[in-house]
């Protein structure tokens, strides 16, 4: 129950912002990020507004190829779904932003949706009702044309891993290999970007997929995060339990092997002894003395006297 509770409390939005900044880190001097940008004095806000401060710079990333001056991004966590109504609400916020912001024209705007489940109903609505053309420009990057501004829907599950690992890893049920890559990236980029919010989410959402062998690649930062989310001790217990199980299995295997070896040795020894006794019986039947038989076979005279008898 505690694990389920932790999963429900995962804060996906701050982690997404960090993932976006990490993915576009080469353009950090060009892009400005405004989180939960207010449209009015009330609760009406935009998830993320990314302002490109230099219009001449082209952001060469698959998810940012459509970027213009003011780029509005709506993020849906793995537990959320992008419906037709949610799409129109976001579109309305874009128009309101344009109306309330001096110096911003329609040609300056783009709208992006980041999702973890492909919104097939919305795509059908775009094509059949709104008359948009929706094409998959890159794996997971669906661009809609025909609207007043460029619109894209990004399915992070389908993105290419090499360029988009920061976004693609913002999910649950990641394989251990992917988690290890994220931890390695933390070592590489940890000094250039504060990744704490991102690592909190990725580790909290996938702690059950980490094994004891992953402990050796944890940095001081990731170990601290594990302590904060309360999973470090449970992970240690899991590692100790796995170690005990492996030790017991290895002990049984070694015991079975030793038993087989000892059995084979004893069998060979008994076989050799029986062979000597057969030779002794044959010599005894030929009339050889006990003394001679003992010298030839190596069997003691006392044992020969108990094993052999003349009829």
Protein backbone atom coordinates (compact mmCIF):
# COMPACT_ATOMS: atom_id res chain seq x y z
CA UNK A 1 0.00 0.00 0.00
CA UNK A 2 2.85 2.39 0.81
CA UNK A 3 4.41 1.89 -2.63
CA UNK A 4 1.09 2.71 -4.30
CA UNK A 5 0.73 5.81 -2.14
CA UNK A 6 4.19 7.03 -3.19
CA UNK A 7 3.35 6.54 -6.84
CA UNK A 8 0.18 8.65 -6.52
CA UNK A 9 2.18 11.51 -5.03
CA UNK A 10 4.76 11.66 -7.82
CA UNK A 11 5.19 15.22 -9.09
CA UNK A 12 5.55 14.74 -12.83
CA UNK A 13 5.36 18.36 -14.02
CA UNK A 14 8.55 19.70 -12.36
CA UNK A 15 10.39 16.63 -13.62
CA UNK A 16 9.16 17.29 -17.15
CA UNK A 17 10.52 20.84 -17.04
CA UNK A 18 13.95 19.51 -16.06
CA UNK A 19 13.78 16.86 -18.78
CA UNK A 20 12.92 19.54 -21.35
CA UNK A 21 15.79 21.73 -20.21
CA UNK A 22 18.19 18.78 -20.29
CA UNK A 23 17.11 17.82 -23.79
CA UNK A 24 17.60 21.41 -24.99
CA UNK A 25 20.65 22.17 -22.85
CA UNK A 26 22.73 23.18 -25.88
CA UNK A 27 20.29 26.10 -26.36
CA UNK A 28 20.14 27.27 -22.74
CA UNK A 29 21.32 30.77 -23.71
CA UNK A 30 18.64 31.04 -26.42
CA UNK A 31 15.56 29.63 -24.64
CA UNK A 32 13.77 31.07 -21.64
CA UNK A 33 11.40 28.85 -19.62
CA UNK A 34 8.38 30.33 -17.84
CA UNK A 35 6.56 27.77 -15.72
CA UNK A 36 2.83 28.02 -15.05
CA UNK A 37 2.72 31.32 -16.90
CA UNK A 38 -0.33 33.29 -15.64
CA UNK A 39 -2.83 34.56 -18.19
CA UNK A 40 -5.00 36.47 -15.72
CA UNK A 41 -4.93 37.29 -12.03
CA UNK A 42 -6.94 34.12 -11.47
CA UNK A 43 -5.94 30.45 -11.78
CA UNK A 44 -5.83 30.45 -15.59
CA UNK A 45 -2.27 29.46 -16.50
CA UNK A 46 -0.12 27.92 -19.23
CA UNK A 47 1.89 24.85 -18.20
CA UNK A 48 5.14 25.97 -19.78
CA UNK A 49 6.00 28.90 -22.00
CA UNK A 50 9.32 28.57 -23.84
CA UNK A 51 10.44 31.87 -25.33
CA UNK A 52 13.09 31.82 -28.03
CA UNK A 53 15.07 34.99 -27.46
CA UNK A 54 16.89 34.88 -30.79
CA UNK A 55 14.59 34.37 -33.81
CA UNK A 56 17.54 33.54 -36.10
CA UNK A 57 18.50 30.43 -34.11
CA UNK A 58 17.01 27.12 -35.26
CA UNK A 59 16.60 24.60 -32.44
CA UNK A 60 17.79 21.36 -34.01
CA UNK A 61 15.87 18.88 -31.92
CA UNK A 62 13.01 16.68 -33.10
CA UNK A 63 10.54 17.93 -30.50
CA UNK A 64 11.50 21.60 -31.05
CA UNK A 65 11.73 21.76 -34.83
CA UNK A 66 8.47 23.73 -35.04
CA UNK A 67 9.52 26.27 -32.38
CA UNK A 68 9.02 29.95 -33.13
CA UNK A 69 9.23 32.88 -30.72
CA UNK A 70 6.57 31.96 -28.13
CA UNK A 71 6.06 28.23 -27.68
CA UNK A 72 3.30 26.99 -25.41
CA UNK A 73 3.62 23.47 -24.03
CA UNK A 74 0.93 21.46 -22.28
CA UNK A 75 2.21 18.40 -20.41
CA UNK A 76 0.13 15.33 -19.58
CA UNK A 77 1.63 12.95 -17.02
CA UNK A 78 1.54 9.16 -17.54
CA UNK A 79 -1.71 9.08 -15.55
CA UNK A 80 -3.41 11.81 -17.65
CA UNK A 81 -5.03 11.66 -21.06
CA UNK A 82 -5.38 14.35 -23.74
CA UNK A 83 -9.05 14.59 -24.67
CA UNK A 84 -10.73 16.65 -27.38
CA UNK A 85 -12.05 19.07 -24.75
CA UNK A 86 -8.60 19.46 -23.19
CA UNK A 87 -7.22 20.25 -26.64
CA UNK A 88 -9.74 23.04 -27.21
CA UNK A 89 -9.13 24.49 -23.74
CA UNK A 90 -5.40 24.65 -24.49
CA UNK A 91 -6.12 26.24 -27.86
CA UNK A 92 -8.26 28.84 -26.13
CA UNK A 93 -5.42 29.63 -23.70
CA UNK A 94 -3.08 30.17 -26.66
CA UNK A 95 -5.50 32.68 -28.21
CA UNK A 96 -5.94 34.40 -24.86
CA UNK A 97 -2.16 34.62 -24.44
CA UNK A 98 -1.90 36.21 -27.89
CA UNK A 99 -4.66 38.70 -27.08
CA UNK A 100 -3.13 39.71 -23.74
CA UNK A 101 0.53 39.87 -24.77
CA UNK A 102 1.79 42.93 -26.62
CA UNK A 103 4.04 42.34 -29.60
CA UNK A 104 3.05 38.70 -30.11
CA UNK A 105 1.42 37.71 -33.38
CA UNK A 106 -0.13 34.44 -34.50
CA UNK A 107 2.99 33.76 -36.59
CA UNK A 108 5.06 33.84 -33.39
CA UNK A 109 3.16 30.99 -31.69
CA UNK A 110 3.34 27.21 -31.53
CA UNK A 111 1.42 24.73 -29.38
CA UNK A 112 2.84 21.41 -28.19
CA UNK A 113 1.23 18.60 -26.20
CA UNK A 114 3.42 16.06 -24.39
CA UNK A 115 1.58 12.80 -23.70
CA UNK A 116 2.27 9.21 -22.66
CA UNK A 117 -0.73 7.76 -24.51
CA UNK A 118 -1.57 8.46 -28.11
CA UNK A 119 -4.84 10.47 -28.31
CA UNK A 120 -6.45 8.63 -31.24
CA UNK A 121 -9.85 10.27 -30.72
CA UNK A 122 -8.22 13.70 -30.86
CA UNK A 123 -6.34 12.82 -34.05
CA UNK A 124 -9.60 11.71 -35.64
CA UNK A 125 -11.24 14.96 -34.51
CA UNK A 126 -8.37 17.00 -35.97
CA UNK A 127 -8.61 15.27 -39.34
CA UNK A 128 -12.37 14.82 -39.74
CA UNK A 129 -13.81 17.84 -37.88
CA UNK A 130 -11.10 20.49 -38.00
CA UNK A 131 -9.65 19.52 -41.37
CA UNK A 132 -6.05 19.36 -40.12
CA UNK A 133 -3.42 17.10 -41.68
CA UNK A 134 -1.67 15.06 -38.97
CA UNK A 135 1.64 13.44 -39.89
CA UNK A 136 4.26 11.59 -37.85
CA UNK A 137 7.31 13.67 -38.73
CA UNK A 138 9.61 11.67 -36.43
CA UNK A 139 8.87 8.62 -34.28
CA UNK A 140 6.39 9.88 -31.69
CA UNK A 141 6.28 13.45 -33.07
CA UNK A 142 2.89 14.14 -34.70
CA UNK A 143 2.63 17.53 -36.41
CA UNK A 144 -0.76 19.01 -37.34
CA UNK A 145 -0.92 21.52 -40.17
CA UNK A 146 -3.87 23.61 -41.31
CA UNK A 147 -4.42 25.49 -38.07
CA UNK A 148 -3.58 29.13 -37.40
CA UNK A 149 -0.27 28.01 -35.85
CA UNK A 150 1.92 24.87 -35.86
CA UNK A 151 0.58 22.25 -33.45
CA UNK A 152 2.28 19.03 -32.42
CA UNK A 153 1.47 16.08 -30.19
CA UNK A 154 4.48 14.23 -28.80
CA UNK A 155 4.06 10.65 -27.58
CA UNK A 156 7.13 10.23 -25.38
CA UNK A 157 6.88 6.44 -25.44
CA UNK A 158 7.56 6.37 -29.19
CA UNK A 159 10.39 8.91 -29.34
CA UNK A 160 13.82 7.82 -30.52
CA UNK A 161 15.90 7.02 -27.46
CA UNK A 162 19.26 8.48 -28.50
CA UNK A 163 18.06 12.08 -28.74
CA UNK A 164 15.09 11.97 -26.39
CA UNK A 165 16.11 9.73 -23.49
CA UNK A 166 15.33 12.50 -20.98
CA UNK A 167 11.68 12.60 -22.04
CA UNK A 168 11.35 8.93 -22.87
CA UNK A 169 12.50 7.96 -19.38
CA UNK A 170 9.84 10.13 -17.75
CA UNK A 171 7.60 7.13 -17.22
CA UNK A 172 6.97 4.04 -15.15
CA UNK A 173 8.07 0.44 -15.75
CA UNK A 174 11.42 1.40 -17.27
CA UNK A 175 13.79 -1.52 -17.87
CA UNK A 176 16.88 -1.69 -15.68
CA UNK A 177 19.17 -0.93 -18.62
CA UNK A 178 17.34 2.36 -19.28
CA UNK A 179 17.55 3.35 -15.62
CA UNK A 180 21.28 2.71 -15.62
CA UNK A 181 21.64 4.99 -18.66
CA UNK A 182 19.76 7.74 -16.83
CA UNK A 183 22.06 7.37 -13.83
CA UNK A 184 25.07 7.59 -16.12
CA UNK A 185 23.65 10.76 -17.69
CA UNK A 186 23.28 12.23 -14.22
CA UNK A 187 27.01 11.80 -13.73
CA UNK A 188 27.64 13.55 -17.05
CA UNK A 189 25.19 16.46 -16.78
CA UNK A 190 24.77 16.81 -13.01
CA UNK A 191 27.18 19.75 -12.83
CA UNK A 192 25.47 21.65 -15.67
CA UNK A 193 21.86 21.25 -14.59
CA UNK A 194 19.97 20.67 -11.34
CA UNK A 195 18.46 17.26 -11.99
CA UNK A 196 17.06 16.63 -8.51
CA UNK A 197 13.36 17.01 -9.43
CA UNK A 198 13.82 14.75 -12.45
CA UNK A 199 15.74 12.06 -10.57
CA UNK A 200 13.22 12.14 -7.71
CA UNK A 201 10.44 11.22 -10.13
CA UNK A 202 12.29 8.67 -12.26
CA UNK A 203 13.70 6.83 -9.26
CA UNK A 204 10.48 6.98 -7.24
CA UNK A 205 8.45 5.69 -10.20
CA UNK A 206 10.86 2.85 -10.98
CA UNK A 207 12.59 1.90 -7.74
CA UNK A 208 11.22 -1.65 -7.95
CA UNK A 209 13.07 -2.14 -11.25
CA UNK A 210 16.49 -1.43 -9.76
CA UNK A 211 18.67 -4.33 -8.66
CA UNK A 212 21.47 -4.55 -6.11
CA UNK A 213 24.03 -4.34 -8.94
CA UNK A 214 22.79 -0.79 -9.64
CA UNK A 215 23.88 0.38 -6.19
CA UNK A 216 27.49 0.73 -7.36
CA UNK A 217 26.57 3.36 -10.01
CA UNK A 218 24.63 5.60 -7.62
CA UNK A 219 26.23 8.97 -7.03
CA UNK A 220 26.06 10.83 -3.73
CA UNK A 221 23.14 12.84 -5.14
CA UNK A 222 21.10 9.80 -6.18
CA UNK A 223 21.79 8.04 -2.88
CA UNK A 224 20.53 11.13 -1.05
CA UNK A 225 17.38 11.16 -3.19
CA UNK A 226 16.78 7.49 -2.40
CA UNK A 227 17.09 8.27 1.29
CA UNK A 228 14.62 11.16 0.92
CA UNK A 229 11.97 9.09 -0.83
CA UNK A 230 12.36 6.37 1.80
CA UNK A 231 13.49 3.58 -0.48
CA UNK A 232 17.19 3.28 0.32
CA UNK A 233 16.69 1.02 3.35
CA UNK A 234 14.13 -1.11 1.52
CA UNK A 235 16.56 -1.40 -1.38
CA UNK A 236 19.32 -2.50 1.02
CA UNK A 237 16.99 -5.10 2.52
CA UNK A 238 16.12 -6.32 -0.97
CA UNK A 239 19.80 -6.56 -1.84
CA UNK A 240 20.54 -8.47 1.39
CA UNK A 241 17.66 -10.84 0.74
CA UNK A 242 18.82 -11.47 -2.82
CA UNK A 243 22.34 -12.01 -1.50
CA UNK A 244 21.12 -14.56 1.05
CA UNK A 245 19.09 -16.38 -1.59
CA UNK A 246 22.05 -16.47 -3.95
CA UNK A 247 24.28 -17.66 -1.09
CA UNK A 248 21.87 -20.44 -0.17
CA UNK A 249 21.58 -21.53 -3.78
CA UNK A 250 25.34 -21.50 -4.23
CA UNK A 251 25.76 -23.43 -0.98
CA UNK A 252 23.30 -26.11 -2.11
CA UNK A 253 24.99 -26.36 -5.48
CA UNK A 254 28.44 -26.64 -3.91
CA UNK A 255 27.13 -29.20 -1.43
CA UNK A 256 25.60 -31.30 -4.20
CA UNK A 257 28.82 -31.09 -6.20
CA UNK A 258 30.94 -32.08 -3.22
CA UNK A 259 28.57 -34.96 -2.47
CA UNK A 260 28.81 -36.22 -6.04
CA UNK A 261 32.59 -35.94 -5.99
CA UNK A 262 32.88 -37.77 -2.69
CA UNK A 263 30.48 -40.46 -3.90
CA UNK A 264 32.43 -40.95 -7.10
CA UNK A 265 35.71 -41.16 -5.16
CA UNK A 266 34.29 -43.68 -2.74
CA UNK A 267 32.87 -45.72 -5.60
CA UNK A 268 36.22 -45.79 -7.38
CA UNK A 269 37.99 -46.79 -4.17
CA UNK A 270 35.50 -49.57 -3.49
CA UNK A 271 35.79 -50.71 -7.09
CA UNK A 272 39.57 -50.91 -6.89
CA UNK A 273 39.35 -52.80 -3.58
CA UNK A 274 36.89 -55.29 -5.04
CA UNK A 275 39.20 -55.80 -8.01
CA UNK A 276 42.10 -56.62 -5.69
CA UNK A 277 39.93 -59.09 -3.78
CA UNK A 278 38.99 -60.84 -7.02
CA UNK A 279 42.67 -61.14 -7.90
CA UNK A 280 43.43 -62.45 -4.41
CA UNK A 281 40.68 -65.09 -4.71
CA UNK A 282 42.10 -66.21 -8.05
CA UNK A 283 45.63 -66.53 -6.63
CA UNK A 284 44.29 -68.30 -3.56
CA UNK A 285 42.44 -70.77 -5.81
CA UNK A 286 45.73 -71.46 -7.62
CA UNK A 287 47.34 -72.42 -4.32
CA UNK A 288 49.37 -69.27 -3.61
CA UNK A 289 50.14 -68.52 0.00
CA UNK A 290 48.53 -65.73 2.02
CA UNK A 291 51.93 -64.08 2.39
CA UNK A 292 52.49 -63.97 -1.39
CA UNK A 293 48.96 -62.76 -2.11
CA UNK A 294 49.39 -59.94 0.44
CA UNK A 295 52.64 -58.82 -1.22
CA UNK A 296 51.06 -58.81 -4.72
CA UNK A 297 47.68 -57.20 -3.95
CA UNK A 298 48.64 -54.92 -1.07
CA UNK A 299 45.80 -56.33 1.05
CA UNK A 300 46.74 -57.05 4.67
CA UNK A 301 47.14 -60.68 5.70
CA UNK A 302 44.53 -60.23 8.44
CA UNK A 303 41.93 -59.09 5.90
CA UNK A 304 42.89 -61.84 3.48
CA UNK A 305 42.42 -64.47 6.18
CA UNK A 306 38.86 -63.17 6.82
CA UNK A 307 38.00 -62.95 3.13
CA UNK A 308 39.63 -66.18 1.89
CA UNK A 309 39.23 -69.69 3.10
CA UNK A 310 40.18 -73.07 1.66
CA UNK A 311 37.40 -75.56 1.25
